[in-house]
Protein backbone atom coordinates (compact mmCIF):
# COMPACT_ATOMS: atom_id res chain seq x y z
CA MET A 1 3.41 -0.13 7.93
CA ILE A 2 4.20 0.66 4.28
CA PHE A 3 2.12 2.48 1.66
CA LEU A 4 3.21 2.89 -1.97
CA THR A 5 1.56 5.46 -4.22
CA ILE A 6 2.28 5.90 -7.93
CA THR A 7 2.61 9.67 -8.31
CA SER A 8 3.26 9.82 -12.06
CA ASP A 9 2.90 7.27 -14.88
CA TRP A 10 3.83 7.84 -18.53
CA GLY A 11 3.55 4.28 -19.85
CA THR A 12 7.26 3.48 -20.26
CA GLY A 13 8.03 4.58 -16.71
CA PHE A 14 6.66 5.93 -13.48
CA CYS A 15 7.49 7.62 -10.18
CA ALA A 16 6.36 6.35 -6.80
CA GLU A 17 6.28 7.61 -3.23
CA VAL A 18 6.59 5.17 -0.33
CA LYS A 19 5.50 6.01 3.21
CA VAL A 20 7.11 4.01 6.01
CA SER A 21 5.57 4.21 9.50
CA ASN A 22 6.94 2.89 12.78
CA THR A 23 4.08 1.27 14.65
CA ALA A 24 6.39 -0.10 17.36
CA GLY A 25 6.61 1.39 20.84
CA SER A 26 10.26 2.45 20.46
CA ALA A 27 12.62 3.98 17.92
CA THR A 28 13.85 1.65 15.21
CA ALA A 29 15.98 1.67 12.08
CA TRP A 30 13.91 0.72 9.07
CA THR A 31 14.41 -1.37 5.95
CA VAL A 32 11.87 -2.22 3.28
CA PRO A 33 12.15 -4.96 0.64
CA LEU A 34 11.28 -3.28 -2.65
CA SER A 35 10.24 -4.79 -5.98
CA PRO A 36 10.31 -1.60 -8.03
CA GLY A 37 8.47 -2.90 -11.12
CA GLY A 38 11.23 -1.68 -13.43
CA THR A 39 14.76 -0.30 -13.45
CA VAL A 40 15.18 2.47 -10.89
CA THR A 41 16.60 5.56 -12.57
CA THR A 42 16.51 7.96 -9.62
CA SER A 43 15.59 7.91 -5.95
CA TRP A 44 15.42 10.33 -3.05
CA SER A 45 15.43 10.19 0.76
CA VAL A 46 16.50 6.53 0.67
CA SER A 47 19.49 4.25 0.30
CA LEU A 48 18.94 1.37 -2.14
CA ALA A 49 20.95 -1.87 -2.12
CA GLY A 50 20.76 -4.69 -4.63
CA ALA A 51 19.87 -4.64 -8.29
CA GLY A 52 17.05 -5.38 -10.66
CA ALA A 53 13.72 -6.61 -9.35
CA SER A 54 14.82 -7.14 -5.74
CA LEU A 55 16.07 -4.13 -3.78
CA LEU A 56 16.41 -3.33 -0.12
CA ALA A 57 15.47 0.23 0.82
CA SER A 58 16.77 1.76 4.04
CA GLY A 59 16.82 5.22 5.48
CA ALA A 60 19.17 7.95 4.37
CA ASP A 61 21.47 9.38 7.07
CA TRP A 62 18.81 11.81 8.28
CA ASN A 63 15.77 9.47 8.32
CA ALA A 64 17.31 6.06 9.06
CA THR A 65 15.78 5.85 12.54
CA LEU A 66 12.09 6.44 13.18
CA GLY A 67 10.76 7.22 16.62
CA ALA A 68 7.69 5.47 17.99
CA GLY A 69 4.70 6.49 15.89
CA ALA A 70 6.86 8.43 13.42
CA SER A 71 6.87 8.09 9.63
CA THR A 72 8.96 9.12 6.68
CA THR A 73 8.62 9.05 2.91
CA PHE A 74 10.97 8.23 0.09
CA GLY A 75 10.53 8.09 -3.62
CA TYR A 76 11.89 6.67 -6.82
CA CYS A 77 11.37 6.75 -10.56
CA ALA A 78 11.79 3.69 -12.75
CA ASP A 79 11.73 2.69 -16.41
CA ARG A 80 9.53 -0.29 -17.26
């Protein structure tokens, strides 16, 4: 399950927080396709692959695997 929340918006850019939850019955590594809505300028708690409008987000070393029922958050800022 994935929830995205815009945490800050200043017209020409924004920051967002994404919550990823493991609803499976066992631990799993996670990846999330991400259409950032702009050019990502910074990110935290995530590894981003790709470029432009189509990115693949995956866990950083410390949050790459989520236990059953666990969740993690990551964030990014982007220019529009």
